[in-house]
Amino acid sequence: MPRYAMVIDEERCVGCQSCTVACKSEWDIPVGSARTHVRPAGVKGDYPIFISTFYVSQCNHCDHPICVPACPSGATYQDRNGIVRVNKELCIGCGSCVAACPYGARYVDAEKGVVDKCDFCAARLEDGLQPACTLTCPANAKTFGDLEDTSGAVFNMVYRRGAQRTQSAEVKIGPNVYYIGKPEHVAMAAEMFPPGQPRTVAAGKVWSSFAKKVVYLAVGTTFLGQAVAFFHQLATGEKQFDE
C-alpha cells in the first residue's frame, strides 16, 4: 500500500499560480475559495542581494490529522494510503474540521453546504494519473509520489536530500507536504507561514447547523407529501366526477 506525499521545491517555484488554476478547473472550485494557495513569502536581504520565495500550501494529509476526530459526523476520514478525504454525503457543513486544521487547508463550500479541500486528486490517482497541479507546474516545482518507494523521487527528496515539514513546537502532526530548496528559502517560508493554533467549534454551533439542515429536509419532505396527497385527491375527484 503506497503512502502518498508531495514535495515542493521553493527554489523552483515562480509563483505563476498554474497549480491553483489547474486545481480550480479540475474540481470546479467556487470563486473565492481554493484547494491550493500560492503566497509570496516576502523579500529579505540588503541591496543589491535579495532573496524571495513563494509558499505553496494545501491539505498536508498529516500522519495524525486532527481534523478527523474534530468531525462530529464522521465525514472526514483517512484512507490507508494516507490521503485525508471528505465524504460529502455525511458532511453537515458545521466547519469543525475547518477550525481544527492548523494549516488553513479547508473551506466550507457555501453553495453546496459541505467542506472541501485538496485530496491529492484521489479520483485521478485511481485512474493512474498524477494530481492536476503537479502536471501543470511549468517549473516542475511539485513532485508527487509514494513516500515508501525507496527508488522514487519523493523518498529521495525526503530521506536523502532533507526535505522539511512545516511544523512548530505546538503543532507536530506529521504533514506529508514537504519543502525543499535553498535553506534560506525554506526557512523564510516557514517563518512567514507557521501552522496556526487549532480551534474548537462549540458543540452548540455544530448541532445548530445540523438541526437547520434536518429542519429544511423535514419541511421539504412535508411539502412533497402534501403535494402528492393534493394531486391524489384531485385525480380521485376527477375520476368520481367522470363516473
C-alpha atoms as a PDB file:
ATOM      1  CA  MET A   1       0.000   0.000   0.000  1.00  0.00           C
ATOM      2  CA  PRO A   2       1.524   3.366  -1.005  1.00  0.00           C
ATOM      3  CA  ARG A   3       1.851   6.279   1.408  1.00  0.00           C
ATOM      4  CA  TYR A   4       1.377   9.381  -0.700  1.00  0.00           C
ATOM      5  CA  ALA A   5       3.265  12.633  -0.176  1.00  0.00           C
ATOM      6  CA  MET A   6       4.265  15.748  -2.097  1.00  0.00           C
ATOM      7  CA  VAL A   7       7.486  17.749  -2.136  1.00  0.00           C
ATOM      8  CA  ILE A   8       7.525  21.416  -3.175  1.00  0.00           C
ATOM      9  CA  ASP A   9      10.787  22.981  -4.354  1.00  0.00           C
ATOM     10  CA  GLU A  10      10.730  26.584  -3.176  1.00  0.00           C
ATOM     11  CA  GLU A  11      13.777  27.403  -5.258  1.00  0.00           C
ATOM     12  CA  ARG A  12      11.952  26.385  -8.419  1.00  0.00           C
ATOM     13  CA  CYS A  13       8.515  27.900  -7.706  1.00  0.00           C
ATOM     14  CA  VAL A  14       7.976  31.156  -9.600  1.00  0.00           C
ATOM     15  CA  GLY A  15       4.562  31.961  -8.152  1.00  0.00           C
ATOM     16  CA  CYS A  16       2.783  31.669 -11.501  1.00  0.00           C
ATOM     17  CA  GLN A  17      -0.406  30.199  -9.954  1.00  0.00           C
ATOM     18  CA  SER A  18      -0.635  27.486 -12.617  1.00  0.00           C
ATOM     19  CA  CYS A  19      -1.288  24.904  -9.907  1.00  0.00           C
ATOM     20  CA  THR A  20      -4.159  26.877  -8.377  1.00  0.00           C
ATOM     21  CA  VAL A  21      -5.756  27.438 -11.793  1.00  0.00           C
ATOM     22  CA  ALA A  22      -5.426  23.751 -12.704  1.00  0.00           C
ATOM     23  CA  CYS A  23      -6.970  22.729  -9.397  1.00  0.00           C
ATOM     24  CA  LYS A  24      -9.899  25.125  -9.760  1.00  0.00           C
ATOM     25  CA  SER A  25     -10.555  23.933 -13.297  1.00  0.00           C
ATOM     26  CA  GLU A  26     -10.263  20.239 -12.460  1.00  0.00           C
ATOM     27  CA  TRP A  27     -12.597  20.331  -9.455  1.00  0.00           C
ATOM     28  CA  ASP A  28     -14.875  23.291 -10.211  1.00  0.00           C
ATOM     29  CA  ILE A  29     -13.809  25.239  -7.123  1.00  0.00           C
ATOM     30  CA  PRO A  30     -16.179  28.172  -6.354  1.00  0.00           C
ATOM     31  CA  VAL A  31     -14.984  31.761  -6.730  1.00  0.00           C
ATOM     32  CA  GLY A  32     -13.289  32.996  -3.575  1.00  0.00           C
ATOM     33  CA  SER A  33     -12.192  29.525  -2.458  1.00  0.00           C
ATOM     34  CA  ALA A  34      -9.195  27.341  -3.253  1.00  0.00           C
ATOM     35  CA  ARG A  35      -7.734  23.946  -2.511  1.00  0.00           C
ATOM     36  CA  THR A  36      -4.223  25.176  -3.293  1.00  0.00           C
ATOM     37  CA  HIS A  37      -2.665  28.506  -2.321  1.00  0.00           C
ATOM     38  CA  VAL A  38       0.471  30.228  -3.603  1.00  0.00           C
ATOM     39  CA  ARG A  39       1.582  33.135  -1.422  1.00  0.00           C
ATOM     40  CA  PRO A  40       4.674  35.369  -1.593  1.00  0.00           C
ATOM     41  CA  ALA A  41       6.869  34.901   1.446  1.00  0.00           C
ATOM     42  CA  GLY A  42       8.336  38.401   1.223  1.00  0.00           C
ATOM     43  CA  VAL A  43      11.796  39.710   0.410  1.00  0.00           C
ATOM     44  CA  LYS A  44      14.907  39.666   2.580  1.00  0.00           C
ATOM     45  CA  GLY A  45      18.447  40.928   2.214  1.00  0.00           C
ATOM     46  CA  ASP A  46      20.398  44.104   1.525  1.00  0.00           C
ATOM     47  CA  TYR A  47      20.883  45.819  -1.809  1.00  0.00           C
ATOM     48  CA  PRO A  48      21.922  44.501  -4.256  1.00  0.00           C
ATOM     49  CA  ILE A  49      21.482  40.983  -2.872  1.00  0.00           C
ATOM     50  CA  PHE A  50      17.929  39.927  -2.076  1.00  0.00           C
ATOM     51  CA  ILE A  51      16.157  36.628  -1.615  1.00  0.00           C
ATOM     52  CA  SER A  52      12.481  35.900  -2.122  1.00  0.00           C
ATOM     53  CA  THR A  53      10.318  32.840  -2.465  1.00  0.00           C
ATOM     54  CA  PHE A  54       6.730  31.610  -2.511  1.00  0.00           C
ATOM     55  CA  TYR A  55       4.885  29.383  -0.101  1.00  0.00           C
ATOM     56  CA  VAL A  56       2.637  26.780  -1.717  1.00  0.00           C
ATOM     57  CA  SER A  57       0.116  25.205   0.641  1.00  0.00           C
ATOM     58  CA  GLN A  58      -2.737  22.708   0.511  1.00  0.00           C
ATOM     59  CA  CYS A  59      -4.023  19.863   2.659  1.00  0.00           C
ATOM     60  CA  ASN A  60      -0.978  18.137   4.164  1.00  0.00           C
ATOM     61  CA  HIS A  61      -2.609  14.707   4.635  1.00  0.00           C
ATOM     62  CA  CYS A  62      -0.968  14.511   8.036  1.00  0.00           C
ATOM     63  CA  ASP A  63       0.117  11.327   9.789  1.00  0.00           C
ATOM     64  CA  HIS A  64      -2.108  12.333  12.704  1.00  0.00           C
ATOM     65  CA  PRO A  65      -4.820  14.550  11.171  1.00  0.00           C
ATOM     66  CA  ILE A  66      -6.639  16.380  13.975  1.00  0.00           C
ATOM     67  CA  CYS A  67      -9.428  17.239  11.553  1.00  0.00           C
ATOM     68  CA  VAL A  68     -10.601  13.606  11.653  1.00  0.00           C
ATOM     69  CA  PRO A  69     -11.594  13.431  15.339  1.00  0.00           C
ATOM     70  CA  ALA A  70     -12.891  17.009  15.127  1.00  0.00           C
ATOM     71  CA  CYS A  71     -15.591  15.961  12.636  1.00  0.00           C
ATOM     72  CA  PRO A  72     -18.843  15.167  14.531  1.00  0.00           C
ATOM     73  CA  SER A  73     -20.474  13.279  11.651  1.00  0.00           C
ATOM     74  CA  GLY A  74     -17.577  11.051  10.591  1.00  0.00           C
ATOM     75  CA  ALA A  75     -17.410  12.723   7.175  1.00  0.00           C
ATOM     76  CA  THR A  76     -13.667  13.362   7.422  1.00  0.00           C
ATOM     77  CA  TYR A  77     -11.578  10.194   7.328  1.00  0.00           C
ATOM     78  CA  GLN A  78      -8.155   8.929   6.271  1.00  0.00           C
ATOM     79  CA  ASP A  79      -7.522   6.249   3.672  1.00  0.00           C
ATOM     80  CA  ARG A  80      -4.890   3.578   4.221  1.00  0.00           C
ATOM     81  CA  ASN A  81      -2.707   5.377   1.675  1.00  0.00           C
ATOM     82  CA  GLY A  82      -2.601   8.444   3.934  1.00  0.00           C
ATOM     83  CA  ILE A  83      -4.968  10.656   1.943  1.00  0.00           C
ATOM     84  CA  VAL A  84      -7.405  12.561   4.154  1.00  0.00           C
ATOM     85  CA  ARG A  85     -10.796  12.786   2.466  1.00  0.00           C
ATOM     86  CA  VAL A  86     -14.298  14.176   2.993  1.00  0.00           C
ATOM     87  CA  ASN A  87     -17.463  12.136   2.450  1.00  0.00           C
ATOM     88  CA  LYS A  88     -19.771  14.844   1.097  1.00  0.00           C
ATOM     89  CA  GLU A  89     -22.861  12.749   1.846  1.00  0.00           C
ATOM     90  CA  LEU A  90     -22.047  12.688   5.564  1.00  0.00           C
ATOM     91  CA  CYS A  91     -20.721  16.249   5.864  1.00  0.00           C
ATOM     92  CA  ILE A  92     -23.085  18.645   7.665  1.00  0.00           C
ATOM     93  CA  GLY A  93     -21.026  21.750   6.853  1.00  0.00           C
ATOM     94  CA  CYS A  94     -20.504  22.675  10.518  1.00  0.00           C
ATOM     95  CA  GLY A  95     -16.914  23.849   9.995  1.00  0.00           C
ATOM     96  CA  SER A  96     -15.435  21.939  12.957  1.00  0.00           C
ATOM     97  CA  CYS A  97     -12.692  20.452  10.800  1.00  0.00           C
ATOM     98  CA  VAL A  98     -12.001  23.837   9.197  1.00  0.00           C
ATOM     99  CA  ALA A  99     -11.350  25.332  12.629  1.00  0.00           C
ATOM    100  CA  ALA A 100      -9.256  22.347  13.737  1.00  0.00           C
ATOM    101  CA  CYS A 101      -6.868  22.440  10.752  1.00  0.00           C
ATOM    102  CA  PRO A 102      -3.748  24.436  11.732  1.00  0.00           C
ATOM    103  CA  TYR A 103      -2.803  24.911   8.077  1.00  0.00           C
ATOM    104  CA  GLY A 104      -5.978  26.607   6.862  1.00  0.00           C
ATOM    105  CA  ALA A 105      -6.362  23.933   4.205  1.00  0.00           C
ATOM    106  CA  ARG A 106     -10.166  23.568   4.339  1.00  0.00           C
ATOM    107  CA  TYR A 107     -13.162  25.693   3.480  1.00  0.00           C
ATOM    108  CA  VAL A 108     -16.930  25.384   3.549  1.00  0.00           C
ATOM    109  CA  ASP A 109     -18.491  25.463   0.087  1.00  0.00           C
ATOM    110  CA  ALA A 110     -21.308  27.956   0.681  1.00  0.00           C
ATOM    111  CA  GLU A 111     -23.256  26.795  -2.375  1.00  0.00           C
ATOM    112  CA  LYS A 112     -23.188  23.103  -1.519  1.00  0.00           C
ATOM    113  CA  GLY A 113     -23.064  23.457   2.267  1.00  0.00           C
ATOM    114  CA  VAL A 114     -20.209  20.978   2.671  1.00  0.00           C
ATOM    115  CA  VAL A 115     -16.484  21.127   3.394  1.00  0.00           C
ATOM    116  CA  ASP A 116     -13.966  20.801   0.599  1.00  0.00           C
ATOM    117  CA  LYS A 117     -10.173  20.585   0.365  1.00  0.00           C
ATOM    118  CA  CYS A 118      -7.298  19.012  -1.551  1.00  0.00           C
ATOM    119  CA  ASP A 119      -7.430  15.216  -1.688  1.00  0.00           C
ATOM    120  CA  PHE A 120      -4.297  14.771  -3.835  1.00  0.00           C
ATOM    121  CA  CYS A 121      -6.687  14.354  -6.794  1.00  0.00           C
ATOM    122  CA  ALA A 122      -7.735  10.938  -5.463  1.00  0.00           C
ATOM    123  CA  ALA A 123     -10.064  10.320  -8.399  1.00  0.00           C
ATOM    124  CA  ARG A 124      -7.191  10.905 -10.831  1.00  0.00           C
ATOM    125  CA  LEU A 125      -4.920   8.590  -8.855  1.00  0.00           C
ATOM    126  CA  GLU A 126      -7.499   5.831  -9.202  1.00  0.00           C
ATOM    127  CA  ASP A 127      -7.179   6.253 -12.975  1.00  0.00           C
ATOM    128  CA  GLY A 128      -3.380   6.074 -12.806  1.00  0.00           C
ATOM    129  CA  LEU A 129      -2.898   9.838 -13.264  1.00  0.00           C
ATOM    130  CA  GLN A 130      -0.875  12.405 -11.337  1.00  0.00           C
ATOM    131  CA  PRO A 131      -2.529  15.282  -9.441  1.00  0.00           C
ATOM    132  CA  ALA A 132      -3.515  18.096 -11.794  1.00  0.00           C
ATOM    133  CA  CYS A 133      -1.346  20.671 -10.028  1.00  0.00           C
ATOM    134  CA  THR A 134       1.777  18.527 -10.388  1.00  0.00           C
ATOM    135  CA  LEU A 135       1.365  18.077 -14.131  1.00  0.00           C
ATOM    136  CA  THR A 136       0.696  21.745 -14.871  1.00  0.00           C
ATOM    137  CA  CYS A 137       3.601  23.284 -12.927  1.00  0.00           C
ATOM    138  CA  PRO A 138       5.880  24.756 -15.639  1.00  0.00           C
ATOM    139  CA  ALA A 139       8.860  24.870 -13.283  1.00  0.00           C
ATOM    140  CA  ASN A 140       8.477  21.276 -12.057  1.00  0.00           C
ATOM    141  CA  ALA A 141       8.337  22.624  -8.504  1.00  0.00           C
ATOM    142  CA  LYS A 142       5.911  19.924  -7.343  1.00  0.00           C
ATOM    143  CA  THR A 143       6.829  16.257  -7.031  1.00  0.00           C
ATOM    144  CA  PHE A 144       4.226  13.684  -6.017  1.00  0.00           C
ATOM    145  CA  GLY A 145       4.649  10.031  -5.213  1.00  0.00           C
ATOM    146  CA  ASP A 146       4.897   7.189  -2.744  1.00  0.00           C
ATOM    147  CA  LEU A 147       6.853   8.090   0.374  1.00  0.00           C
ATOM    148  CA  GLU A 148       7.662   4.408   0.938  1.00  0.00           C
ATOM    149  CA  ASP A 149       9.021   3.766  -2.563  1.00  0.00           C
ATOM    150  CA  THR A 150      12.768   3.728  -1.913  1.00  0.00           C
ATOM    151  CA  SER A 151      13.512   4.205  -5.609  1.00  0.00           C
ATOM    152  CA  GLY A 152      11.099   7.118  -6.036  1.00  0.00           C
ATOM    153  CA  ALA A 153      11.804  10.842  -6.261  1.00  0.00           C
ATOM    154  CA  VAL A 154       9.721  11.696  -3.178  1.00  0.00           C
ATOM    155  CA  PHE A 155      11.594   9.189  -0.990  1.00  0.00           C
ATOM    156  CA  ASN A 156      14.909  10.580  -2.259  1.00  0.00           C
ATOM    157  CA  MET A 157      13.927  14.200  -1.562  1.00  0.00           C
ATOM    158  CA  VAL A 158      12.637  13.477   1.939  1.00  0.00           C
ATOM    159  CA  TYR A 159      15.076  10.909   3.279  1.00  0.00           C
ATOM    160  CA  ARG A 160      18.245  11.683   1.337  1.00  0.00           C
ATOM    161  CA  ARG A 161      18.030  15.387   0.459  1.00  0.00           C
ATOM    162  CA  GLY A 162      16.374  16.556   3.665  1.00  0.00           C
ATOM    163  CA  ALA A 163      13.030  17.996   2.542  1.00  0.00           C
ATOM    164  CA  GLN A 164      11.327  19.533   5.572  1.00  0.00           C
ATOM    165  CA  ARG A 165       7.876  19.620   7.090  1.00  0.00           C
ATOM    166  CA  THR A 166       6.234  22.862   8.212  1.00  0.00           C
ATOM    167  CA  GLN A 167       5.665  22.301  11.920  1.00  0.00           C
ATOM    168  CA  SER A 168       6.020  24.134  15.207  1.00  0.00           C
ATOM    169  CA  ALA A 169       6.585  23.294  18.856  1.00  0.00           C
ATOM    170  CA  GLU A 170       2.804  23.363  19.381  1.00  0.00           C
ATOM    171  CA  VAL A 171       1.788  21.621  16.158  1.00  0.00           C
ATOM    172  CA  LYS A 172       3.532  18.355  15.291  1.00  0.00           C
ATOM    173  CA  ILE A 173       1.045  16.168  13.457  1.00  0.00           C
ATOM    174  CA  GLY A 174       3.227  14.881  10.627  1.00  0.00           C
ATOM    175  CA  PRO A 175       2.279  16.850   7.493  1.00  0.00           C
ATOM    176  CA  ASN A 176       3.050  14.980   4.273  1.00  0.00           C
ATOM    177  CA  VAL A 177       3.659  18.001   2.089  1.00  0.00           C
ATOM    178  CA  TYR A 178       7.391  18.684   2.335  1.00  0.00           C
ATOM    179  CA  TYR A 179       9.548  21.623   1.252  1.00  0.00           C
ATOM    180  CA  ILE A 180      12.975  21.652  -0.323  1.00  0.00           C
ATOM    181  CA  GLY A 181      15.280  24.206  -1.941  1.00  0.00           C
ATOM    182  CA  LYS A 182      17.857  26.640  -0.628  1.00  0.00           C
ATOM    183  CA  PRO A 183      17.863  26.543   3.195  1.00  0.00           C
ATOM    184  CA  GLU A 184      17.189  30.273   3.358  1.00  0.00           C
ATOM    185  CA  HIS A 185      14.115  29.898   1.128  1.00  0.00           C
ATOM    186  CA  VAL A 186      12.683  27.049   3.189  1.00  0.00           C
ATOM    187  CA  ALA A 187      13.361  28.867   6.460  1.00  0.00           C
ATOM    188  CA  MET A 188      11.868  32.104   5.147  1.00  0.00           C
ATOM    189  CA  ALA A 189       8.604  30.477   4.079  1.00  0.00           C
ATOM    190  CA  ALA A 190       8.332  28.503   7.317  1.00  0.00           C
ATOM    191  CA  GLU A 191       8.836  31.687   9.328  1.00  0.00           C
ATOM    192  CA  MET A 192       6.224  33.613   7.362  1.00  0.00           C
ATOM    193  CA  PHE A 193       3.589  30.855   7.360  1.00  0.00           C
ATOM    194  CA  PRO A 194       3.824  28.730  10.528  1.00  0.00           C
ATOM    195  CA  PRO A 195       0.923  26.434  11.412  1.00  0.00           C
ATOM    196  CA  GLY A 196      -1.795  28.158  13.396  1.00  0.00           C
ATOM    197  CA  GLN A 197      -3.366  27.142  16.668  1.00  0.00           C
ATOM    198  CA  PRO A 198      -6.134  24.555  16.172  1.00  0.00           C
ATOM    199  CA  ARG A 199      -9.535  25.822  17.289  1.00  0.00           C
ATOM    200  CA  THR A 200     -12.620  24.003  18.505  1.00  0.00           C
ATOM    201  CA  VAL A 201     -16.113  24.833  17.283  1.00  0.00           C
ATOM    202  CA  ALA A 202     -18.662  24.981  20.093  1.00  0.00           C
ATOM    203  CA  ALA A 203     -20.893  21.911  20.187  1.00  0.00           C
ATOM    204  CA  GLY A 204     -23.985  24.111  20.146  1.00  0.00           C
ATOM    205  CA  LYS A 205     -22.948  25.648  16.846  1.00  0.00           C
ATOM    206  CA  VAL A 206     -22.236  22.227  15.348  1.00  0.00           C
ATOM    207  CA  TRP A 207     -25.607  20.772  16.161  1.00  0.00           C
ATOM    208  CA  SER A 208     -27.389  24.033  15.360  1.00  0.00           C
ATOM    209  CA  SER A 209     -26.033  23.736  11.827  1.00  0.00           C
ATOM    210  CA  PHE A 210     -27.049  20.095  11.659  1.00  0.00           C
ATOM    211  CA  ALA A 211     -30.515  20.798  13.075  1.00  0.00           C
ATOM    212  CA  LYS A 212     -31.076  23.504  10.488  1.00  0.00           C
ATOM    213  CA  LYS A 213     -30.440  21.016   7.673  1.00  0.00           C
ATOM    214  CA  VAL A 214     -32.748  18.479   9.292  1.00  0.00           C
ATOM    215  CA  VAL A 215     -35.497  21.094   9.553  1.00  0.00           C
ATOM    216  CA  TYR A 216     -35.078  22.044   5.899  1.00  0.00           C
ATOM    217  CA  LEU A 217     -35.247  18.367   4.925  1.00  0.00           C
ATOM    218  CA  ALA A 218     -38.322  17.798   7.086  1.00  0.00           C
ATOM    219  CA  VAL A 219     -40.094  20.846   5.653  1.00  0.00           C
ATOM    220  CA  GLY A 220     -39.243  19.750   2.123  1.00  0.00           C
ATOM    221  CA  THR A 221     -40.486  16.223   2.799  1.00  0.00           C
ATOM    222  CA  THR A 222     -43.712  17.512   4.366  1.00  0.00           C
ATOM    223  CA  PHE A 223     -44.355  19.815   1.428  1.00  0.00           C
ATOM    224  CA  LEU A 224     -43.735  16.981  -1.011  1.00  0.00           C
ATOM    225  CA  GLY A 225     -46.118  14.722   0.908  1.00  0.00           C
ATOM    226  CA  GLN A 226     -48.819  17.371   0.929  1.00  0.00           C
ATOM    227  CA  ALA A 227     -48.395  17.961  -2.780  1.00  0.00           C
ATOM    228  CA  VAL A 228     -48.695  14.249  -3.532  1.00  0.00           C
ATOM    229  CA  ALA A 229     -51.832  13.999  -1.373  1.00  0.00           C
ATOM    230  CA  PHE A 230     -53.368  17.047  -3.061  1.00  0.00           C
ATOM    231  CA  PHE A 231     -52.849  15.719  -6.571  1.00  0.00           C
ATOM    232  CA  HIS A 232     -54.065  12.278  -5.499  1.00  0.00           C
ATOM    233  CA  GLN A 233     -57.267  13.799  -4.162  1.00  0.00           C
ATOM    234  CA  LEU A 234     -57.623  15.871  -7.299  1.00  0.00           C
ATOM    235  CA  ALA A 235     -57.224  12.811  -9.503  1.00  0.00           C
ATOM    236  CA  THR A 236     -59.693  10.814  -7.353  1.00  0.00           C
ATOM    237  CA  GLY A 237     -62.243  13.631  -7.524  1.00  0.00           C
ATOM    238  CA  GLU A 238     -61.967  13.864 -11.275  1.00  0.00           C
ATOM    239  CA  LYS A 239     -62.450  10.102 -11.568  1.00  0.00           C
ATOM    240  CA  GLN A 240     -65.572  10.191  -9.401  1.00  0.00           C
ATOM    241  CA  PHE A 241     -66.907  13.144 -11.367  1.00  0.00           C
ATOM    242  CA  ASP A 242     -66.424  11.272 -14.630  1.00  0.00           C
ATOM    243  CA  GLU A 243     -68.301   8.293 -13.270  1.00  0.00           C
END
